[in-house]
Each structure stands twice: as C-alpha cells, then as structure tokens.
Amino acid sequence: NCSAWQVNCLAWLYSAVYVFIAIPCCSLYDRLGLRNGMLIGNALNVMGAGLKLIAVHISPNWYWLLASQTLNSISACFALGLPPMVAAAWFGTKERSLATSLASVANVLAIAV
C-alpha cells in the first residue's frame, strides 16, 4: 500500500528527472550517435520495466518502485530528445519542423496504443 504522497512522488518524478537529465542525454546522442543513444534509452526502459515488475509482484517495496520509475524517467529523456535530432540529421531545414512534430505525435500515439 502506498500513501498519497508516495503516489504523487512517482508522478512528479518524470518532470524532476527531465530537468536534470535532458541536456546530458542530448550530449550523449552527439557523442555516441542516434542509434547507440536510442539503444541505451531502450535498455534503461526495459530495466525499469523489469524492476517495476519486481517491485509490484515479487517483492512489493516502494523504494524498488521509486528506482524503477527513475530508470523509466531517464529513458523517457532519451525518447523525448530523439525527434528533433533525427529531424536535424535526416531532413532539410524546411522540413525539420514538420518531421519533429510528426515524430513527437507518433511517440504519444504509440504510448496510447
């Protein structure tokens, strides 16, 4: 059982982590390339999901849940930073805003599905 405060902490953790991790994630993309940065983000997402399964089903513990939410928050920074970088690498200057907006909307639609 979690208190209302604990649930609120899990909710605002995404925004709090984004403030501190967004710029390092983007610089990691610059150093390692888009593919490797995306693979790191996906690996963090899988680890966070696995840890979340452990935190909920195997060993219920709020601290494990907080750690899993932190990993998923860091992986979200990788996913949210990717569309403008892909648009800058693959599209011309006149097409970048459309490519960025379509990729951002596709990310949200994929989550909805």
PDB file of N, CA and C in Angstrom:
ATOM      1  N   ASN A   1       0.835  -1.191   0.000  1.00  0.00           N
ATOM      2  CA  ASN A   1       0.000   0.000   0.000  1.00  0.00           C
ATOM      3  C   ASN A   1       0.874   1.246   0.000  1.00  0.00           C
ATOM      4  N   CYS A   2       0.501   2.180  -0.833  1.00  0.00           N
ATOM      5  CA  CYS A   2       1.231   3.434  -0.925  1.00  0.00           C
ATOM      6  C   CYS A   2       0.353   4.571  -0.444  1.00  0.00           C
ATOM      7  N   SER A   3       0.982   5.546   0.176  1.00  0.00           N
ATOM      8  CA  SER A   3       0.242   6.737   0.592  1.00  0.00           C
ATOM      9  C   SER A   3       0.054   7.668  -0.606  1.00  0.00           C
ATOM     10  N   ALA A   4      -0.772   8.670  -0.414  1.00  0.00           N
ATOM     11  CA  ALA A   4      -0.994   9.649  -1.491  1.00  0.00           C
ATOM     12  C   ALA A   4       0.295  10.396  -1.815  1.00  0.00           C
ATOM     13  N   TRP A   5       1.103  10.669  -0.806  1.00  0.00           N
ATOM     14  CA  TRP A   5       2.369  11.361  -1.024  1.00  0.00           C
ATOM     15  C   TRP A   5       3.304  10.517  -1.889  1.00  0.00           C
ATOM     16  N   GLN A   6       3.358   9.212  -1.633  1.00  0.00           N
ATOM     17  CA  GLN A   6       4.223   8.333  -2.411  1.00  0.00           C
ATOM     18  C   GLN A   6       3.782   8.250  -3.867  1.00  0.00           C
ATOM     19  N   VAL A   7       2.488   8.195  -4.089  1.00  0.00           N
ATOM     20  CA  VAL A   7       1.972   8.177  -5.458  1.00  0.00           C
ATOM     21  C   VAL A   7       2.292   9.490  -6.158  1.00  0.00           C
ATOM     22  N   ASN A   8       2.162  10.605  -5.458  1.00  0.00           N
ATOM     23  CA  ASN A   8       2.497  11.905  -6.040  1.00  0.00           C
ATOM     24  C   ASN A   8       3.986  11.995  -6.373  1.00  0.00           C
ATOM     25  N   CYS A   9       4.828  11.413  -5.540  1.00  0.00           N
ATOM     26  CA  CYS A   9       6.272  11.401  -5.831  1.00  0.00           C
ATOM     27  C   CYS A   9       6.558  10.655  -7.125  1.00  0.00           C
ATOM     28  N   LEU A  10       5.892   9.538  -7.313  1.00  0.00           N
ATOM     29  CA  LEU A  10       6.086   8.779  -8.552  1.00  0.00           C
ATOM     30  C   LEU A  10       5.615   9.573  -9.762  1.00  0.00           C
ATOM     31  N   ALA A  11       4.570  10.383  -9.577  1.00  0.00           N
ATOM     32  CA  ALA A  11       4.024  11.162 -10.694  1.00  0.00           C
ATOM     33  C   ALA A  11       4.943  12.320 -11.079  1.00  0.00           C
ATOM     34  N   TRP A  12       5.476  13.049 -10.114  1.00  0.00           N
ATOM     35  CA  TRP A  12       6.289  14.216 -10.469  1.00  0.00           C
ATOM     36  C   TRP A  12       7.737  13.864 -10.748  1.00  0.00           C
ATOM     37  N   LEU A  13       8.103  12.605 -10.525  1.00  0.00           N
ATOM     38  CA  LEU A  13       9.484  12.197 -10.742  1.00  0.00           C
ATOM     39  C   LEU A  13       9.914  12.367 -12.200  1.00  0.00           C
ATOM     40  N   TYR A  14       9.022  12.098 -13.154  1.00  0.00           N
ATOM     41  CA  TYR A  14       9.354  12.266 -14.572  1.00  0.00           C
ATOM     42  C   TYR A  14       9.787  13.701 -14.870  1.00  0.00           C
ATOM     43  N   SER A  15       9.019  14.653 -14.380  1.00  0.00           N
ATOM     44  CA  SER A  15       9.348  16.062 -14.639  1.00  0.00           C
ATOM     45  C   SER A  15      10.631  16.475 -13.932  1.00  0.00           C
ATOM     46  N   ALA A  16      10.817  16.006 -12.717  1.00  0.00           N
ATOM     47  CA  ALA A  16      12.018  16.377 -11.970  1.00  0.00           C
ATOM     48  C   ALA A  16      13.272  15.803 -12.617  1.00  0.00           C
ATOM     49  N   VAL A  17      13.209  14.569 -13.069  1.00  0.00           N
ATOM     50  CA  VAL A  17      14.373  13.948 -13.695  1.00  0.00           C
ATOM     51  C   VAL A  17      14.672  14.619 -15.029  1.00  0.00           C
ATOM     52  N   TYR A  18      13.640  14.985 -15.770  1.00  0.00           N
ATOM     53  CA  TYR A  18      13.839  15.596 -17.087  1.00  0.00           C
ATOM     54  C   TYR A  18      14.661  16.880 -16.989  1.00  0.00           C
ATOM     55  N   VAL A  19      14.428  17.654 -15.958  1.00  0.00           N
ATOM     56  CA  VAL A  19      15.145  18.923 -15.792  1.00  0.00           C
ATOM     57  C   VAL A  19      16.653  18.683 -15.707  1.00  0.00           C
ATOM     58  N   PHE A  20      17.051  17.618 -15.043  1.00  0.00           N
ATOM     59  CA  PHE A  20      18.469  17.376 -14.820  1.00  0.00           C
ATOM     60  C   PHE A  20      19.126  16.480 -15.872  1.00  0.00           C
ATOM     61  N   ILE A  21      18.357  15.679 -16.568  1.00  0.00           N
ATOM     62  CA  ILE A  21      18.930  14.660 -17.446  1.00  0.00           C
ATOM     63  C   ILE A  21      18.810  14.999 -18.935  1.00  0.00           C
ATOM     64  N   ALA A  22      17.953  15.925 -19.315  1.00  0.00           N
ATOM     65  CA  ALA A  22      17.706  16.190 -20.736  1.00  0.00           C
ATOM     66  C   ALA A  22      18.975  16.613 -21.482  1.00  0.00           C
ATOM     67  N   ILE A  23      19.723  17.538 -20.943  1.00  0.00           N
ATOM     68  CA  ILE A  23      20.928  18.015 -21.631  1.00  0.00           C
ATOM     69  C   ILE A  23      22.012  16.937 -21.685  1.00  0.00           C
ATOM     70  N   PRO A  24      22.277  16.202 -20.588  1.00  0.00           N
ATOM     71  CA  PRO A  24      23.248  15.100 -20.721  1.00  0.00           C
ATOM     72  C   PRO A  24      22.816  14.029 -21.727  1.00  0.00           C
ATOM     73  N   CYS A  25      21.521  13.752 -21.820  1.00  0.00           N
ATOM     74  CA  CYS A  25      21.043  12.775 -22.810  1.00  0.00           C
ATOM     75  C   CYS A  25      21.325  13.259 -24.222  1.00  0.00           C
ATOM     76  N   CYS A  26      21.052  14.518 -24.475  1.00  0.00           N
ATOM     77  CA  CYS A  26      21.303  15.066 -25.815  1.00  0.00           C
ATOM     78  C   CYS A  26      22.789  15.074 -26.140  1.00  0.00           C
ATOM     79  N   SER A  27      23.629  15.385 -25.155  1.00  0.00           N
ATOM     80  CA  SER A  27      25.076  15.354 -25.427  1.00  0.00           C
ATOM     81  C   SER A  27      25.559  13.927 -25.633  1.00  0.00           C
ATOM     82  N   LEU A  28      24.908  12.975 -24.978  1.00  0.00           N
ATOM     83  CA  LEU A  28      25.250  11.568 -25.203  1.00  0.00           C
ATOM     84  C   LEU A  28      24.901  11.158 -26.632  1.00  0.00           C
ATOM     85  N   TYR A  29      23.770  11.651 -27.146  1.00  0.00           N
ATOM     86  CA  TYR A  29      23.425  11.407 -28.547  1.00  0.00           C
ATOM     87  C   TYR A  29      24.507  11.961 -29.472  1.00  0.00           C
ATOM     88  N   ASP A  30      25.005  13.144 -29.161  1.00  0.00           N
ATOM     89  CA  ASP A  30      26.042  13.743 -30.002  1.00  0.00           C
ATOM     90  C   ASP A  30      27.334  12.929 -29.979  1.00  0.00           C
ATOM     91  N   ARG A  31      27.678  12.388 -28.823  1.00  0.00           N
ATOM     92  CA  ARG A  31      28.927  11.636 -28.706  1.00  0.00           C
ATOM     93  C   ARG A  31      28.834  10.216 -29.266  1.00  0.00           C
ATOM     94  N   LEU A  32      27.704   9.538 -29.004  1.00  0.00           N
ATOM     95  CA  LEU A  32      27.593   8.127 -29.374  1.00  0.00           C
ATOM     96  C   LEU A  32      26.809   7.874 -30.655  1.00  0.00           C
ATOM     97  N   GLY A  33      26.079   8.861 -31.121  1.00  0.00           N
ATOM     98  CA  GLY A  33      25.249   8.688 -32.302  1.00  0.00           C
ATOM     99  C   GLY A  33      23.810   8.375 -31.918  1.00  0.00           C
ATOM    100  N   LEU A  34      22.921   8.560 -32.886  1.00  0.00           N
ATOM    101  CA  LEU A  34      21.492   8.378 -32.628  1.00  0.00           C
ATOM    102  C   LEU A  34      21.155   6.932 -32.291  1.00  0.00           C
ATOM    103  N   ARG A  35      21.715   6.004 -33.032  1.00  0.00           N
ATOM    104  CA  ARG A  35      21.384   4.590 -32.817  1.00  0.00           C
ATOM    105  C   ARG A  35      21.805   4.117 -31.431  1.00  0.00           C
ATOM    106  N   ASN A  36      23.048   4.393 -31.050  1.00  0.00           N
ATOM    107  CA  ASN A  36      23.538   3.950 -29.750  1.00  0.00           C
ATOM    108  C   ASN A  36      22.817   4.650 -28.599  1.00  0.00           C
ATOM    109  N   GLY A  37      22.510   5.928 -28.774  1.00  0.00           N
ATOM    110  CA  GLY A  37      21.751   6.637 -27.745  1.00  0.00           C
ATOM    111  C   GLY A  37      20.357   6.062 -27.579  1.00  0.00           C
ATOM    112  N   MET A  38      19.736   5.715 -28.704  1.00  0.00           N
ATOM    113  CA  MET A  38      18.408   5.107 -28.646  1.00  0.00           C
ATOM    114  C   MET A  38      18.468   3.733 -27.985  1.00  0.00           C
ATOM    115  N   LEU A  39      19.505   2.966 -28.277  1.00  0.00           N
ATOM    116  CA  LEU A  39      19.661   1.651 -27.650  1.00  0.00           C
ATOM    117  C   LEU A  39      19.864   1.769 -26.139  1.00  0.00           C
ATOM    118  N   ILE A  40      20.605   2.763 -25.700  1.00  0.00           N
ATOM    119  CA  ILE A  40      20.784   2.989 -24.263  1.00  0.00           C
ATOM    120  C   ILE A  40      19.453   3.350 -23.621  1.00  0.00           C
ATOM    121  N   GLY A  41      18.701   4.243 -24.260  1.00  0.00           N
ATOM    122  CA  GLY A  41      17.387   4.613 -23.735  1.00  0.00           C
ATOM    123  C   GLY A  41      16.442   3.427 -23.662  1.00  0.00           C
ATOM    124  N   ASN A  42      16.448   2.588 -24.684  1.00  0.00           N
ATOM    125  CA  ASN A  42      15.595   1.396 -24.680  1.00  0.00           C
ATOM    126  C   ASN A  42      16.022   0.402 -23.613  1.00  0.00           C
ATOM    127  N   ALA A  43      17.321   0.234 -23.431  1.00  0.00           N
ATOM    128  CA  ALA A  43      17.812  -0.678 -22.393  1.00  0.00           C
ATOM    129  C   ALA A  43      17.402  -0.188 -21.007  1.00  0.00           C
ATOM    130  N   LEU A  44      17.487   1.109 -20.777  1.00  0.00           N
ATOM    131  CA  LEU A  44      17.043   1.658 -19.493  1.00  0.00           C
ATOM    132  C   LEU A  44      15.550   1.455 -19.295  1.00  0.00           C
ATOM    133  N   ASN A  45      14.789   1.576 -20.360  1.00  0.00           N
ATOM    134  CA  ASN A  45      13.341   1.368 -20.273  1.00  0.00           C
ATOM    135  C   ASN A  45      13.013  -0.079 -19.917  1.00  0.00           C
ATOM    136  N   VAL A  46      13.714  -1.024 -20.535  1.00  0.00           N
ATOM    137  CA  VAL A  46      13.491  -2.441 -20.241  1.00  0.00           C
ATOM    138  C   VAL A  46      13.895  -2.760 -18.799  1.00  0.00           C
ATOM    139  N   MET A  47      15.033  -2.221 -18.362  1.00  0.00           N
ATOM    140  CA  MET A  47      15.453  -2.454 -16.981  1.00  0.00           C
ATOM    141  C   MET A  47      14.461  -1.855 -15.991  1.00  0.00           C
ATOM    142  N   GLY A  48      13.954  -0.665 -16.294  1.00  0.00           N
ATOM    143  CA  GLY A  48      12.959  -0.049 -15.422  1.00  0.00           C
ATOM    144  C   GLY A  48      11.671  -0.851 -15.373  1.00  0.00           C
ATOM    145  N   ALA A  49      11.246  -1.382 -16.512  1.00  0.00           N
ATOM    146  CA  ALA A  49      10.029  -2.198 -16.536  1.00  0.00           C
ATOM    147  C   ALA A  49      10.222  -3.493 -15.761  1.00  0.00           C
ATOM    148  N   GLY A  50      11.382  -4.116 -15.906  1.00  0.00           N
ATOM    149  CA  GLY A  50      11.659  -5.337 -15.152  1.00  0.00           C
ATOM    150  C   GLY A  50      11.717  -5.081 -13.658  1.00  0.00           C
ATOM    151  N   LEU A  51      12.351  -3.988 -13.284  1.00  0.00           N
ATOM    152  CA  LEU A  51      12.415  -3.628 -11.872  1.00  0.00           C
ATOM    153  C   LEU A  51      11.034  -3.297 -11.318  1.00  0.00           C
ATOM    154  N   LYS A  52      10.201  -2.699 -12.164  1.00  0.00           N
ATOM    155  CA  LYS A  52       8.837  -2.382 -11.735  1.00  0.00           C
ATOM    156  C   LYS A  52       8.036  -3.659 -11.497  1.00  0.00           C
ATOM    157  N   LEU A  53       8.235  -4.675 -12.328  1.00  0.00           N
ATOM    158  CA  LEU A  53       7.573  -5.959 -12.100  1.00  0.00           C
ATOM    159  C   LEU A  53       8.009  -6.572 -10.770  1.00  0.00           C
ATOM    160  N   ILE A  54       9.291  -6.484 -10.484  1.00  0.00           N
ATOM    161  CA  ILE A  54       9.791  -6.987  -9.203  1.00  0.00           C
ATOM    162  C   ILE A  54       9.195  -6.188  -8.049  1.00  0.00           C
ATOM    163  N   ALA A  55       9.151  -4.871  -8.205  1.00  0.00           N
ATOM    164  CA  ALA A  55       8.664  -4.002  -7.131  1.00  0.00           C
ATOM    165  C   ALA A  55       7.179  -4.181  -6.851  1.00  0.00           C
ATOM    166  N   VAL A  56       6.437  -4.620  -7.828  1.00  0.00           N
ATOM    167  CA  VAL A  56       4.988  -4.752  -7.635  1.00  0.00           C
ATOM    168  C   VAL A  56       4.601  -6.183  -7.311  1.00  0.00           C
ATOM    169  N   HIS A  57       5.171  -7.157  -8.002  1.00  0.00           N
ATOM    170  CA  HIS A  57       4.687  -8.531  -7.891  1.00  0.00           C
ATOM    171  C   HIS A  57       5.559  -9.446  -7.022  1.00  0.00           C
ATOM    172  N   ILE A  58       6.853  -9.351  -7.144  1.00  0.00           N
ATOM    173  CA  ILE A  58       7.721 -10.317  -6.468  1.00  0.00           C
ATOM    174  C   ILE A  58       8.072  -9.856  -5.051  1.00  0.00           C
ATOM    175  N   SER A  59       8.550  -8.646  -4.944  1.00  0.00           N
ATOM    176  CA  SER A  59       8.954  -8.112  -3.636  1.00  0.00           C
ATOM    177  C   SER A  59       8.379  -6.707  -3.492  1.00  0.00           C
ATOM    178  N   PRO A  60       7.108  -6.584  -3.095  1.00  0.00           N
ATOM    179  CA  PRO A  60       6.489  -5.254  -3.012  1.00  0.00           C
ATOM    180  C   PRO A  60       7.257  -4.317  -2.081  1.00  0.00           C
ATOM    181  N   ASN A  61       7.789  -3.267  -2.682  1.00  0.00           N
ATOM    182  CA  ASN A  61       8.589  -2.315  -1.933  1.00  0.00           C
ATOM    183  C   ASN A  61       8.541  -0.984  -2.672  1.00  0.00           C
ATOM    184  N   TRP A  62       8.234   0.083  -1.956  1.00  0.00           N
ATOM    185  CA  TRP A  62       8.096   1.386  -2.588  1.00  0.00           C
ATOM    186  C   TRP A  62       9.431   1.898  -3.109  1.00  0.00           C
ATOM    187  N   TYR A  63      10.519   1.562  -2.452  1.00  0.00           N
ATOM    188  CA  TYR A  63      11.832   2.047  -2.896  1.00  0.00           C
ATOM    189  C   TYR A  63      12.251   1.401  -4.217  1.00  0.00           C
ATOM    190  N   TRP A  64      11.923   0.134  -4.402  1.00  0.00           N
ATOM    191  CA  TRP A  64      12.161  -0.507  -5.700  1.00  0.00           C
ATOM    192  C   TRP A  64      11.318   0.159  -6.779  1.00  0.00           C
ATOM    193  N   LEU A  65      10.090   0.506  -6.417  1.00  0.00           N
ATOM    194  CA  LEU A  65       9.208   1.183  -7.363  1.00  0.00           C
ATOM    195  C   LEU A  65       9.754   2.560  -7.725  1.00  0.00           C
ATOM    196  N   LEU A  66      10.295   3.259  -6.745  1.00  0.00           N
ATOM    197  CA  LEU A  66      10.903   4.562  -6.996  1.00  0.00           C
ATOM    198  C   LEU A  66      12.128   4.429  -7.902  1.00  0.00           C
ATOM    199  N   ALA A  67      12.942   3.414  -7.678  1.00  0.00           N
ATOM    200  CA  ALA A  67      14.112   3.188  -8.533  1.00  0.00           C
ATOM    201  C   ALA A  67      13.698   2.857  -9.960  1.00  0.00           C
ATOM    202  N   SER A  68      12.651   2.037 -10.108  1.00  0.00           N
ATOM    203  CA  SER A  68      12.191   1.695 -11.453  1.00  0.00           C
ATOM    204  C   SER A  68      11.620   2.913 -12.169  1.00  0.00           C
ATOM    205  N   GLN A  69      10.912   3.741 -11.433  1.00  0.00           N
ATOM    206  CA  GLN A  69      10.350   4.965 -12.024  1.00  0.00           C
ATOM    207  C   GLN A  69      11.470   5.918 -12.437  1.00  0.00           C
ATOM    208  N   THR A  70      12.543   5.942 -11.676  1.00  0.00           N
ATOM    209  CA  THR A  70      13.686   6.785 -12.039  1.00  0.00           C
ATOM    210  C   THR A  70      14.331   6.291 -13.334  1.00  0.00           C
ATOM    211  N   LEU A  71      14.515   4.987 -13.462  1.00  0.00           N
ATOM    212  CA  LEU A  71      15.075   4.440 -14.710  1.00  0.00           C
ATOM    213  C   LEU A  71      14.170   4.742 -15.899  1.00  0.00           C
ATOM    214  N   ASN A  72      12.865   4.584 -15.713  1.00  0.00           N
ATOM    215  CA  ASN A  72      11.934   4.891 -16.800  1.00  0.00           C
ATOM    216  C   ASN A  72      11.923   6.385 -17.118  1.00  0.00           C
ATOM    217  N   SER A  73      12.136   7.222 -16.122  1.00  0.00           N
ATOM    218  CA  SER A  73      12.200   8.664 -16.355  1.00  0.00           C
ATOM    219  C   SER A  73      13.423   9.036 -17.173  1.00  0.00           C
ATOM    220  N   ILE A  74      14.549   8.411 -16.868  1.00  0.00           N
ATOM    221  CA  ILE A  74      15.768   8.669 -17.642  1.00  0.00           C
ATOM    222  C   ILE A  74      15.595   8.188 -19.076  1.00  0.00           C
ATOM    223  N   SER A  75      14.972   7.029 -19.254  1.00  0.00           N
ATOM    224  CA  SER A  75      14.753   6.528 -20.621  1.00  0.00           C
ATOM    225  C   SER A  75      13.793   7.430 -21.383  1.00  0.00           C
ATOM    226  N   ALA A  76      12.841   8.043 -20.690  1.00  0.00           N
ATOM    227  CA  ALA A  76      11.930   8.979 -21.362  1.00  0.00           C
ATOM    228  C   ALA A  76      12.677  10.201 -21.877  1.00  0.00           C
ATOM    229  N   CYS A  77      13.714  10.618 -21.171  1.00  0.00           N
ATOM    230  CA  CYS A  77      14.526  11.742 -21.657  1.00  0.00           C
ATOM    231  C   CYS A  77      15.202  11.400 -22.978  1.00  0.00           C
ATOM    232  N   PHE A  78      15.633  10.161 -23.108  1.00  0.00           N
ATOM    233  CA  PHE A  78      16.218   9.727 -24.374  1.00  0.00           C
ATOM    234  C   PHE A  78      15.168   9.741 -25.479  1.00  0.00           C
ATOM    235  N   ALA A  79      13.969   9.270 -25.178  1.00  0.00           N
ATOM    236  CA  ALA A  79      12.916   9.203 -26.194  1.00  0.00           C
ATOM    237  C   ALA A  79      12.430  10.588 -26.594  1.00  0.00           C
ATOM    238  N   LEU A  80      12.316  11.506 -25.647  1.00  0.00           N
ATOM    239  CA  LEU A  80      11.808  12.841 -25.960  1.00  0.00           C
ATOM    240  C   LEU A  80      12.835  13.693 -26.700  1.00  0.00           C
ATOM    241  N   GLY A  81      14.107  13.406 -26.524  1.00  0.00           N
ATOM    242  CA  GLY A  81      15.139  14.177 -27.218  1.00  0.00           C
ATOM    243  C   GLY A  81      15.437  13.693 -28.619  1.00  0.00           C
ATOM    244  N   LEU A  82      14.928  12.532 -28.966  1.00  0.00           N
ATOM    245  CA  LEU A  82      15.267  11.930 -30.254  1.00  0.00           C
ATOM    246  C   LEU A  82      14.630  12.602 -31.473  1.00  0.00           C
ATOM    247  N   PRO A  83      13.329  12.977 -31.468  1.00  0.00           N
ATOM    248  CA  PRO A  83      12.728  13.526 -32.693  1.00  0.00           C
ATOM    249  C   PRO A  83      13.429  14.750 -33.297  1.00  0.00           C
ATOM    250  N   PRO A  84      13.807  15.759 -32.524  1.00  0.00           N
ATOM    251  CA  PRO A  84      14.495  16.877 -33.179  1.00  0.00           C
ATOM    252  C   PRO A  84      15.873  16.514 -33.710  1.00  0.00           C
ATOM    253  N   MET A  85      16.536  15.561 -33.066  1.00  0.00           N
ATOM    254  CA  MET A  85      17.856  15.164 -33.559  1.00  0.00           C
ATOM    255  C   MET A  85      17.756  14.347 -34.837  1.00  0.00           C
ATOM    256  N   VAL A  86      16.760  13.492 -34.925  1.00  0.00           N
ATOM    257  CA  VAL A  86      16.539  12.740 -36.158  1.00  0.00           C
ATOM    258  C   VAL A  86      16.164  13.697 -37.285  1.00  0.00           C
ATOM    259  N   ALA A  87      15.303  14.663 -36.976  1.00  0.00           N
ATOM    260  CA  ALA A  87      14.907  15.637 -37.996  1.00  0.00           C
ATOM    261  C   ALA A  87      16.102  16.454 -38.471  1.00  0.00           C
ATOM    262  N   ALA A  88      16.986  16.821 -37.561  1.00  0.00           N
ATOM    263  CA  ALA A  88      18.168  17.595 -37.952  1.00  0.00           C
ATOM    264  C   ALA A  88      19.134  16.774 -38.788  1.00  0.00           C
ATOM    265  N   ALA A  89      19.186  15.465 -38.529  1.00  0.00           N
ATOM    266  CA  ALA A  89      20.131  14.621 -39.267  1.00  0.00           C
ATOM    267  C   ALA A  89      19.599  14.197 -40.629  1.00  0.00           C
ATOM    268  N   TRP A  90      18.296  14.014 -40.761  1.00  0.00           N
ATOM    269  CA  TRP A  90      17.756  13.391 -41.962  1.00  0.00           C
ATOM    270  C   TRP A  90      16.949  14.312 -42.865  1.00  0.00           C
ATOM    271  N   PHE A  91      16.549  15.472 -42.374  1.00  0.00           N
ATOM    272  CA  PHE A  91      15.665  16.328 -43.157  1.00  0.00           C
ATOM    273  C   PHE A  91      16.307  17.687 -43.390  1.00  0.00           C
ATOM    274  N   GLY A  92      15.852  18.331 -44.471  1.00  0.00           N
ATOM    275  CA  GLY A  92      16.321  19.669 -44.793  1.00  0.00           C
ATOM    276  C   GLY A  92      15.755  20.696 -43.836  1.00  0.00           C
ATOM    277  N   THR A  93      16.253  21.924 -43.944  1.00  0.00           N
ATOM    278  CA  THR A  93      15.842  22.957 -42.995  1.00  0.00           C
ATOM    279  C   THR A  93      14.357  23.286 -43.104  1.00  0.00           C
ATOM    280  N   LYS A  94      13.784  23.180 -44.292  1.00  0.00           N
ATOM    281  CA  LYS A  94      12.362  23.496 -44.456  1.00  0.00           C
ATOM    282  C   LYS A  94      11.455  22.370 -43.978  1.00  0.00           C
ATOM    283  N   GLU A  95      11.998  21.178 -43.825  1.00  0.00           N
ATOM    284  CA  GLU A  95      11.179  20.014 -43.449  1.00  0.00           C
ATOM    285  C   GLU A  95      11.329  19.631 -41.975  1.00  0.00           C
ATOM    286  N   ARG A  96      12.250  20.261 -41.276  1.00  0.00           N
ATOM    287  CA  ARG A  96      12.558  19.834 -39.908  1.00  0.00           C
ATOM    288  C   ARG A  96      11.409  20.025 -38.930  1.00  0.00           C
ATOM    289  N   SER A  97      10.720  21.136 -39.002  1.00  0.00           N
ATOM    290  CA  SER A  97       9.637  21.364 -38.039  1.00  0.00           C
ATOM    291  C   SER A  97       8.506  20.354 -38.232  1.00  0.00           C
ATOM    292  N   LEU A  98       8.167  20.043 -39.476  1.00  0.00           N
ATOM    293  CA  LEU A  98       7.139  19.039 -39.729  1.00  0.00           C
ATOM    294  C   LEU A  98       7.591  17.653 -39.265  1.00  0.00           C
ATOM    295  N   ALA A  99       8.837  17.297 -39.550  1.00  0.00           N
ATOM    296  CA  ALA A  99       9.355  15.990 -39.130  1.00  0.00           C
ATOM    297  C   ALA A  99       9.394  15.868 -37.609  1.00  0.00           C
ATOM    298  N   THR A 100       9.807  16.926 -36.927  1.00  0.00           N
ATOM    299  CA  THR A 100       9.854  16.907 -35.465  1.00  0.00           C
ATOM    300  C   THR A 100       8.468  16.765 -34.874  1.00  0.00           C
ATOM    301  N   SER A 101       7.521  17.523 -35.389  1.00  0.00           N
ATOM    302  CA  SER A 101       6.162  17.462 -34.839  1.00  0.00           C
ATOM    303  C   SER A 101       5.514  16.104 -35.110  1.00  0.00           C
ATOM    304  N   LEU A 102       5.710  15.541 -36.304  1.00  0.00           N
ATOM    305  CA  LEU A 102       5.134  14.224 -36.599  1.00  0.00           C
ATOM    306  C   LEU A 102       5.776  13.128 -35.726  1.00  0.00           C
ATOM    307  N   ALA A 103       7.073  13.205 -35.525  1.00  0.00           N
ATOM    308  CA  ALA A 103       7.731  12.199 -34.681  1.00  0.00           C
ATOM    309  C   ALA A 103       7.278  12.329 -33.223  1.00  0.00           C
ATOM    310  N   SER A 104       7.083  13.547 -32.750  1.00  0.00           N
ATOM    311  CA  SER A 104       6.609  13.737 -31.374  1.00  0.00           C
ATOM    312  C   SER A 104       5.196  13.226 -31.201  1.00  0.00           C
ATOM    313  N   VAL A 105       4.330  13.477 -32.181  1.00  0.00           N
ATOM    314  CA  VAL A 105       2.959  12.985 -32.117  1.00  0.00           C
ATOM    315  C   VAL A 105       2.938  11.461 -32.228  1.00  0.00           C
ATOM    316  N   ALA A 106       3.805  10.897 -33.061  1.00  0.00           N
ATOM    317  CA  ALA A 106       3.864   9.437 -33.197  1.00  0.00           C
ATOM    318  C   ALA A 106       4.290   8.790 -31.881  1.00  0.00           C
ATOM    319  N   ASN A 107       5.156   9.446 -31.138  1.00  0.00           N
ATOM    320  CA  ASN A 107       5.572   8.917 -29.841  1.00  0.00           C
ATOM    321  C   ASN A 107       4.386   8.854 -28.883  1.00  0.00           C
ATOM    322  N   VAL A 108       3.594   9.897 -28.837  1.00  0.00           N
ATOM    323  CA  VAL A 108       2.423   9.931 -27.953  1.00  0.00           C
ATOM    324  C   VAL A 108       1.371   8.931 -28.416  1.00  0.00           C
ATOM    325  N   LEU A 109       1.168   8.814 -29.725  1.00  0.00           N
ATOM    326  CA  LEU A 109       0.194   7.843 -30.232  1.00  0.00           C
ATOM    327  C   LEU A 109       0.632   6.419 -29.951  1.00  0.00           C
ATOM    328  N   ALA A 110       1.925   6.154 -30.012  1.00  0.00           N
ATOM    329  CA  ALA A 110       2.406   4.810 -29.703  1.00  0.00           C
ATOM    330  C   ALA A 110       2.166   4.459 -28.234  1.00  0.00           C
ATOM    331  N   ILE A 111       2.296   5.424 -27.361  1.00  0.00           N
ATOM    332  CA  ILE A 111       2.011   5.190 -25.948  1.00  0.00           C
ATOM    333  C   ILE A 111       0.529   4.928 -25.740  1.00  0.00           C
ATOM    334  N   ALA A 112      -0.314   5.621 -26.493  1.00  0.00           N
ATOM    335  CA  ALA A 112      -1.772   5.462 -26.355  1.00  0.00           C
ATOM    336  C   ALA A 112      -2.236   4.094 -26.818  1.00  0.00           C
ATOM    337  N   VAL A 113      -1.542   3.554 -27.811  1.00  0.00           N
ATOM    338  CA  VAL A 113      -1.939   2.246 -28.350  1.00  0.00           C
ATOM    339  C   VAL A 113      -1.487   1.196 -27.373  1.00  0.00           C
TER     340      VAL A 113
END
